Amino acid sequence: MSRVGKMPVTVPQGVDVAINEAHISVKGTGGSLSIANNALVKVIHSSDSLSFAPANESREANAMSGTLRQLVNNMVLVSPKALRKNSTWSVSVTKPQPKATNSIWLWAIPTLSTLTCP
C-alpha cells in the first residue's frame, strides 16, 4: 500500500464530504469542489476522517490510492478558506526580451517588481 495512501484525511468541522460511485464532493464555507472517483480505490468515510485503500493488489491501484488521497486532502484543506470576491491584485512585470544563442531562442523570465493587495 502507498505510504501516502495509508494516512487518513482529517475532515475539519464545517466541511461536508459526499462520496458516490462517480464523484467525491467537498463542500465548505469557501465553496465546493469535486473530483471523479476512481474504481481502483476504495474510499471509507468515518465521522471525521477519510481512508483510502487500493481496490485490488495491482500496482496502479496502489499508486492511485495515494494520488487520490492527496488530491482529496488538498480539497479538504482549501474548501473552508473563503476566497475574497472583491480582491484586486496588480502585478507589474518587465517585458521579456528574447536573445538568440546558437539558433535557440532564450526568454528571460520576467521579474516581479510589485505585488499589491488593497
N, C-alpha and C. Protein backbone atom coordinates (compact mmCIF):
# COMPACT_ATOMS: atom_id res chain seq x y z
N MET A 1 0.84 -1.18 0.00
CA MET A 1 0.00 0.00 0.00
C MET A 1 0.89 1.24 0.00
N SER A 2 0.46 2.27 -0.68
CA SER A 2 1.19 3.53 -0.77
C SER A 2 1.33 4.17 0.60
N ARG A 3 2.52 4.75 0.86
CA ARG A 3 2.73 5.41 2.15
C ARG A 3 1.79 6.59 2.32
N VAL A 4 1.59 7.33 1.24
CA VAL A 4 0.68 8.47 1.30
C VAL A 4 -0.75 7.99 1.47
N GLY A 5 -1.11 6.92 0.78
CA GLY A 5 -2.46 6.38 0.84
C GLY A 5 -2.82 5.83 2.20
N LYS A 6 -1.83 5.44 3.00
CA LYS A 6 -2.10 4.89 4.33
C LYS A 6 -2.58 5.94 5.32
N MET A 7 -2.19 7.20 5.12
CA MET A 7 -2.55 8.25 6.06
C MET A 7 -4.01 8.67 5.86
N PRO A 8 -4.80 8.74 6.93
CA PRO A 8 -6.18 9.20 6.77
C PRO A 8 -6.23 10.71 6.56
N VAL A 9 -7.29 11.17 5.94
CA VAL A 9 -7.53 12.60 5.75
C VAL A 9 -8.50 13.04 6.83
N THR A 10 -8.08 14.00 7.65
CA THR A 10 -8.94 14.53 8.70
C THR A 10 -9.87 15.57 8.11
N VAL A 11 -11.16 15.42 8.36
CA VAL A 11 -12.16 16.36 7.85
C VAL A 11 -12.51 17.33 8.97
N PRO A 12 -12.18 18.63 8.82
CA PRO A 12 -12.48 19.59 9.88
C PRO A 12 -13.97 19.89 9.98
N GLN A 13 -14.35 20.48 11.09
CA GLN A 13 -15.75 20.86 11.27
C GLN A 13 -16.10 21.94 10.27
N GLY A 14 -17.32 21.89 9.76
CA GLY A 14 -17.77 22.85 8.76
C GLY A 14 -17.52 22.40 7.34
N VAL A 15 -16.90 21.25 7.17
CA VAL A 15 -16.64 20.71 5.83
C VAL A 15 -17.45 19.43 5.67
N ASP A 16 -18.24 19.36 4.61
CA ASP A 16 -19.06 18.19 4.32
C ASP A 16 -18.46 17.43 3.14
N VAL A 17 -18.34 16.12 3.30
CA VAL A 17 -17.81 15.27 2.24
C VAL A 17 -18.91 14.31 1.79
N ALA A 18 -19.15 14.26 0.50
CA ALA A 18 -20.14 13.34 -0.08
C ALA A 18 -19.42 12.43 -1.06
N ILE A 19 -19.62 11.13 -0.89
CA ILE A 19 -18.96 10.15 -1.75
C ILE A 19 -20.02 9.31 -2.44
N ASN A 20 -19.96 9.23 -3.77
CA ASN A 20 -20.79 8.29 -4.51
C ASN A 20 -19.89 7.56 -5.51
N GLU A 21 -20.45 6.71 -6.32
CA GLU A 21 -19.64 5.91 -7.24
C GLU A 21 -18.88 6.75 -8.25
N ALA A 22 -19.43 7.89 -8.63
CA ALA A 22 -18.82 8.69 -9.68
C ALA A 22 -17.93 9.82 -9.17
N HIS A 23 -18.29 10.45 -8.05
CA HIS A 23 -17.59 11.65 -7.60
C HIS A 23 -17.36 11.66 -6.10
N ILE A 24 -16.36 12.42 -5.69
CA ILE A 24 -16.14 12.78 -4.29
C ILE A 24 -16.29 14.29 -4.23
N SER A 25 -17.24 14.77 -3.43
CA SER A 25 -17.51 16.20 -3.34
C SER A 25 -17.18 16.69 -1.94
N VAL A 26 -16.54 17.86 -1.89
CA VAL A 26 -16.18 18.50 -0.62
C VAL A 26 -16.81 19.88 -0.63
N LYS A 27 -17.58 20.19 0.41
CA LYS A 27 -18.25 21.47 0.49
C LYS A 27 -17.90 22.14 1.81
N GLY A 28 -17.46 23.38 1.72
CA GLY A 28 -17.11 24.16 2.90
C GLY A 28 -17.60 25.58 2.74
N THR A 29 -17.19 26.45 3.66
CA THR A 29 -17.64 27.84 3.60
C THR A 29 -17.07 28.58 2.40
N GLY A 30 -15.94 28.13 1.87
CA GLY A 30 -15.33 28.78 0.72
C GLY A 30 -15.87 28.32 -0.61
N GLY A 31 -16.73 27.32 -0.61
CA GLY A 31 -17.29 26.81 -1.86
C GLY A 31 -17.25 25.30 -1.87
N SER A 32 -17.47 24.74 -3.03
CA SER A 32 -17.47 23.28 -3.15
C SER A 32 -16.54 22.85 -4.28
N LEU A 33 -15.93 21.69 -4.08
CA LEU A 33 -15.03 21.11 -5.05
C LEU A 33 -15.42 19.65 -5.24
N SER A 34 -15.18 19.10 -6.42
CA SER A 34 -15.46 17.69 -6.64
C SER A 34 -14.40 17.10 -7.56
N ILE A 35 -14.23 15.80 -7.43
CA ILE A 35 -13.26 15.08 -8.24
C ILE A 35 -13.88 13.73 -8.61
N ALA A 36 -13.50 13.22 -9.75
CA ALA A 36 -14.02 11.92 -10.19
C ALA A 36 -13.44 10.82 -9.30
N ASN A 37 -14.30 9.92 -8.86
CA ASN A 37 -13.87 8.79 -8.06
C ASN A 37 -13.25 7.75 -8.98
N ASN A 38 -12.28 7.02 -8.48
CA ASN A 38 -11.59 6.02 -9.28
C ASN A 38 -11.98 4.64 -8.81
N ALA A 39 -12.26 3.73 -9.74
CA ALA A 39 -12.69 2.38 -9.39
C ALA A 39 -11.57 1.57 -8.74
N LEU A 40 -10.32 2.01 -8.89
CA LEU A 40 -9.19 1.29 -8.30
C LEU A 40 -8.99 1.61 -6.82
N VAL A 41 -9.77 2.55 -6.28
CA VAL A 41 -9.58 2.99 -4.90
C VAL A 41 -10.88 2.85 -4.12
N LYS A 42 -10.79 2.26 -2.93
CA LYS A 42 -11.92 2.20 -2.01
C LYS A 42 -11.79 3.37 -1.03
N VAL A 43 -12.84 4.17 -0.92
CA VAL A 43 -12.85 5.31 -0.01
C VAL A 43 -13.79 4.99 1.14
N ILE A 44 -13.26 5.08 2.37
CA ILE A 44 -14.05 4.79 3.56
C ILE A 44 -14.22 6.09 4.33
N HIS A 45 -15.47 6.48 4.54
CA HIS A 45 -15.78 7.73 5.22
C HIS A 45 -16.28 7.44 6.63
N SER A 46 -15.51 7.84 7.63
CA SER A 46 -15.97 7.74 9.02
C SER A 46 -16.44 9.13 9.45
N SER A 47 -16.73 9.32 10.71
CA SER A 47 -17.32 10.57 11.17
C SER A 47 -16.44 11.79 10.90
N ASP A 48 -15.14 11.69 11.14
CA ASP A 48 -14.29 12.86 10.97
C ASP A 48 -13.03 12.59 10.16
N SER A 49 -13.02 11.50 9.39
CA SER A 49 -11.85 11.21 8.56
C SER A 49 -12.23 10.38 7.34
N LEU A 50 -11.33 10.39 6.38
CA LEU A 50 -11.47 9.60 5.16
C LEU A 50 -10.27 8.69 5.05
N SER A 51 -10.49 7.44 4.69
CA SER A 51 -9.40 6.49 4.48
C SER A 51 -9.45 6.00 3.04
N PHE A 52 -8.28 5.74 2.48
CA PHE A 52 -8.16 5.30 1.09
C PHE A 52 -7.39 4.00 1.05
N ALA A 53 -7.88 3.04 0.28
CA ALA A 53 -7.23 1.74 0.14
C ALA A 53 -7.34 1.28 -1.30
N PRO A 54 -6.33 0.59 -1.79
CA PRO A 54 -6.43 0.04 -3.15
C PRO A 54 -7.53 -1.01 -3.23
N ALA A 55 -8.25 -1.01 -4.32
CA ALA A 55 -9.34 -1.97 -4.50
C ALA A 55 -8.83 -3.36 -4.83
N ASN A 56 -7.62 -3.45 -5.36
CA ASN A 56 -7.02 -4.76 -5.65
C ASN A 56 -5.51 -4.67 -5.40
N GLU A 57 -4.79 -5.69 -5.74
CA GLU A 57 -3.35 -5.75 -5.45
C GLU A 57 -2.47 -5.22 -6.58
N SER A 58 -3.06 -4.57 -7.56
CA SER A 58 -2.27 -4.10 -8.70
C SER A 58 -1.43 -2.88 -8.32
N ARG A 59 -0.40 -2.67 -9.09
CA ARG A 59 0.48 -1.52 -8.88
C ARG A 59 -0.25 -0.20 -9.13
N GLU A 60 -1.11 -0.20 -10.14
CA GLU A 60 -1.88 1.00 -10.47
C GLU A 60 -2.83 1.39 -9.34
N ALA A 61 -3.48 0.39 -8.75
CA ALA A 61 -4.40 0.67 -7.64
C ALA A 61 -3.64 1.23 -6.45
N ASN A 62 -2.46 0.69 -6.20
CA ASN A 62 -1.64 1.17 -5.10
C ASN A 62 -1.24 2.63 -5.32
N ALA A 63 -0.78 2.95 -6.51
CA ALA A 63 -0.38 4.32 -6.83
C ALA A 63 -1.58 5.27 -6.80
N MET A 64 -2.71 4.82 -7.32
CA MET A 64 -3.89 5.68 -7.39
C MET A 64 -4.46 5.97 -6.01
N SER A 65 -4.30 5.05 -5.06
CA SER A 65 -4.81 5.30 -3.71
C SER A 65 -4.08 6.48 -3.07
N GLY A 66 -2.77 6.56 -3.25
CA GLY A 66 -2.02 7.69 -2.72
C GLY A 66 -2.32 8.98 -3.45
N THR A 67 -2.48 8.88 -4.77
CA THR A 67 -2.77 10.07 -5.57
C THR A 67 -4.14 10.65 -5.21
N LEU A 68 -5.15 9.80 -5.16
CA LEU A 68 -6.50 10.27 -4.85
C LEU A 68 -6.57 10.81 -3.42
N ARG A 69 -5.86 10.16 -2.50
CA ARG A 69 -5.84 10.64 -1.11
C ARG A 69 -5.29 12.06 -1.04
N GLN A 70 -4.19 12.33 -1.75
CA GLN A 70 -3.59 13.65 -1.69
C GLN A 70 -4.46 14.70 -2.37
N LEU A 71 -5.10 14.34 -3.47
CA LEU A 71 -5.99 15.29 -4.14
C LEU A 71 -7.18 15.65 -3.25
N VAL A 72 -7.77 14.65 -2.59
CA VAL A 72 -8.91 14.91 -1.69
C VAL A 72 -8.43 15.69 -0.47
N ASN A 73 -7.25 15.39 0.03
CA ASN A 73 -6.71 16.15 1.16
C ASN A 73 -6.57 17.63 0.81
N ASN A 74 -6.07 17.92 -0.38
CA ASN A 74 -5.95 19.31 -0.82
C ASN A 74 -7.32 19.97 -0.93
N MET A 75 -8.32 19.24 -1.40
CA MET A 75 -9.68 19.79 -1.49
C MET A 75 -10.22 20.10 -0.10
N VAL A 76 -9.98 19.22 0.86
CA VAL A 76 -10.47 19.43 2.23
C VAL A 76 -9.78 20.62 2.87
N LEU A 77 -8.50 20.82 2.59
CA LEU A 77 -7.78 21.94 3.17
C LEU A 77 -8.20 23.28 2.58
N VAL A 78 -8.55 23.29 1.29
CA VAL A 78 -8.88 24.54 0.60
C VAL A 78 -10.33 24.95 0.80
N SER A 79 -11.26 24.01 0.91
CA SER A 79 -12.69 24.33 0.91
C SER A 79 -13.16 25.24 2.05
N PRO A 80 -12.60 25.18 3.27
CA PRO A 80 -13.09 26.10 4.29
C PRO A 80 -12.60 27.53 4.11
N LYS A 81 -11.57 27.72 3.31
CA LYS A 81 -10.99 29.04 3.15
C LYS A 81 -11.75 29.82 2.10
N ALA A 82 -12.40 30.87 2.53
CA ALA A 82 -13.18 31.68 1.60
C ALA A 82 -12.26 32.56 0.77
N LEU A 83 -12.51 32.59 -0.51
CA LEU A 83 -11.78 33.47 -1.39
C LEU A 83 -12.48 34.82 -1.43
N ARG A 84 -11.72 35.87 -1.33
CA ARG A 84 -12.33 37.19 -1.38
C ARG A 84 -12.74 37.50 -2.81
N LYS A 85 -14.01 37.78 -3.00
CA LYS A 85 -14.52 38.00 -4.34
C LYS A 85 -14.14 39.37 -4.88
N ASN A 86 -13.94 40.34 -4.02
CA ASN A 86 -13.66 41.70 -4.48
C ASN A 86 -12.20 42.08 -4.31
N SER A 87 -11.32 41.11 -4.19
CA SER A 87 -9.91 41.43 -4.04
C SER A 87 -9.32 41.82 -5.39
N THR A 88 -8.42 42.74 -5.38
CA THR A 88 -7.77 43.21 -6.59
C THR A 88 -6.28 42.97 -6.47
N TRP A 89 -5.73 42.33 -7.47
CA TRP A 89 -4.30 42.07 -7.50
C TRP A 89 -3.72 42.80 -8.69
N SER A 90 -2.65 43.53 -8.46
CA SER A 90 -1.97 44.17 -9.58
C SER A 90 -0.52 43.71 -9.57
N VAL A 91 -0.08 43.27 -10.72
CA VAL A 91 1.27 42.75 -10.84
C VAL A 91 1.96 43.50 -11.96
N SER A 92 3.14 43.98 -11.68
CA SER A 92 3.94 44.64 -12.70
C SER A 92 5.14 43.76 -13.00
N VAL A 93 5.34 43.49 -14.27
CA VAL A 93 6.48 42.67 -14.67
C VAL A 93 7.22 43.37 -15.79
N THR A 94 8.47 43.01 -15.94
CA THR A 94 9.23 43.55 -17.06
C THR A 94 8.94 42.73 -18.30
N LYS A 95 9.00 43.35 -19.45
CA LYS A 95 8.73 42.65 -20.70
C LYS A 95 9.90 41.72 -21.02
N PRO A 96 9.61 40.44 -21.30
CA PRO A 96 10.71 39.53 -21.61
C PRO A 96 11.37 39.88 -22.93
N GLN A 97 12.67 39.84 -22.96
CA GLN A 97 13.43 40.15 -24.16
C GLN A 97 14.11 38.88 -24.66
N PRO A 98 13.76 38.42 -25.87
CA PRO A 98 14.41 37.22 -26.38
C PRO A 98 15.82 37.52 -26.86
N LYS A 99 16.70 36.55 -26.75
CA LYS A 99 18.03 36.69 -27.35
C LYS A 99 18.41 35.36 -27.97
N ALA A 100 19.02 35.42 -29.12
CA ALA A 100 19.38 34.21 -29.85
C ALA A 100 20.77 33.75 -29.42
N THR A 101 20.86 32.47 -29.12
CA THR A 101 22.15 31.86 -28.80
C THR A 101 22.22 30.54 -29.55
N ASN A 102 23.09 30.48 -30.55
CA ASN A 102 23.24 29.27 -31.35
C ASN A 102 21.90 28.80 -31.93
N SER A 103 21.14 29.70 -32.48
CA SER A 103 19.86 29.42 -33.12
C SER A 103 18.78 28.93 -32.16
N ILE A 104 18.97 29.07 -30.86
CA ILE A 104 17.95 28.73 -29.88
C ILE A 104 17.54 30.02 -29.19
N TRP A 105 16.24 30.26 -29.16
CA TRP A 105 15.75 31.48 -28.53
C TRP A 105 15.62 31.26 -27.03
N LEU A 106 16.20 32.12 -26.27
CA LEU A 106 16.10 32.08 -24.81
C LEU A 106 15.27 33.27 -24.36
N TRP A 107 14.31 33.03 -23.51
CA TRP A 107 13.48 34.09 -22.98
C TRP A 107 13.86 34.35 -21.53
N ALA A 108 14.07 35.59 -21.23
CA ALA A 108 14.35 35.96 -19.85
C ALA A 108 13.05 35.87 -19.06
N ILE A 109 13.10 35.26 -17.92
CA ILE A 109 11.91 35.16 -17.07
C ILE A 109 11.64 36.53 -16.47
N PRO A 110 10.43 37.05 -16.63
CA PRO A 110 10.14 38.37 -16.09
C PRO A 110 10.25 38.38 -14.58
N THR A 111 10.80 39.46 -14.06
CA THR A 111 10.93 39.59 -12.60
C THR A 111 9.72 40.31 -12.05
N LEU A 112 9.32 39.93 -10.88
CA LEU A 112 8.18 40.52 -10.21
C LEU A 112 8.64 41.78 -9.52
N SER A 113 8.11 42.92 -9.92
CA SER A 113 8.55 44.16 -9.30
C SER A 113 7.61 44.64 -8.22
N THR A 114 6.31 44.53 -8.45
CA THR A 114 5.36 44.95 -7.39
C THR A 114 4.19 43.99 -7.35
N LEU A 115 3.70 43.78 -6.16
CA LEU A 115 2.52 42.97 -5.96
C LEU A 115 1.77 43.60 -4.80
N THR A 116 0.60 44.10 -5.08
CA THR A 116 -0.17 44.78 -4.04
C THR A 116 -1.54 44.14 -3.89
N CYS A 117 -2.01 44.12 -2.70
CA CYS A 117 -3.35 43.64 -2.42
C CYS A 117 -4.05 44.67 -1.53
N PRO A 118 -4.89 45.50 -2.10
CA PRO A 118 -5.53 46.55 -1.28
C PRO A 118 -6.50 45.99 -0.26
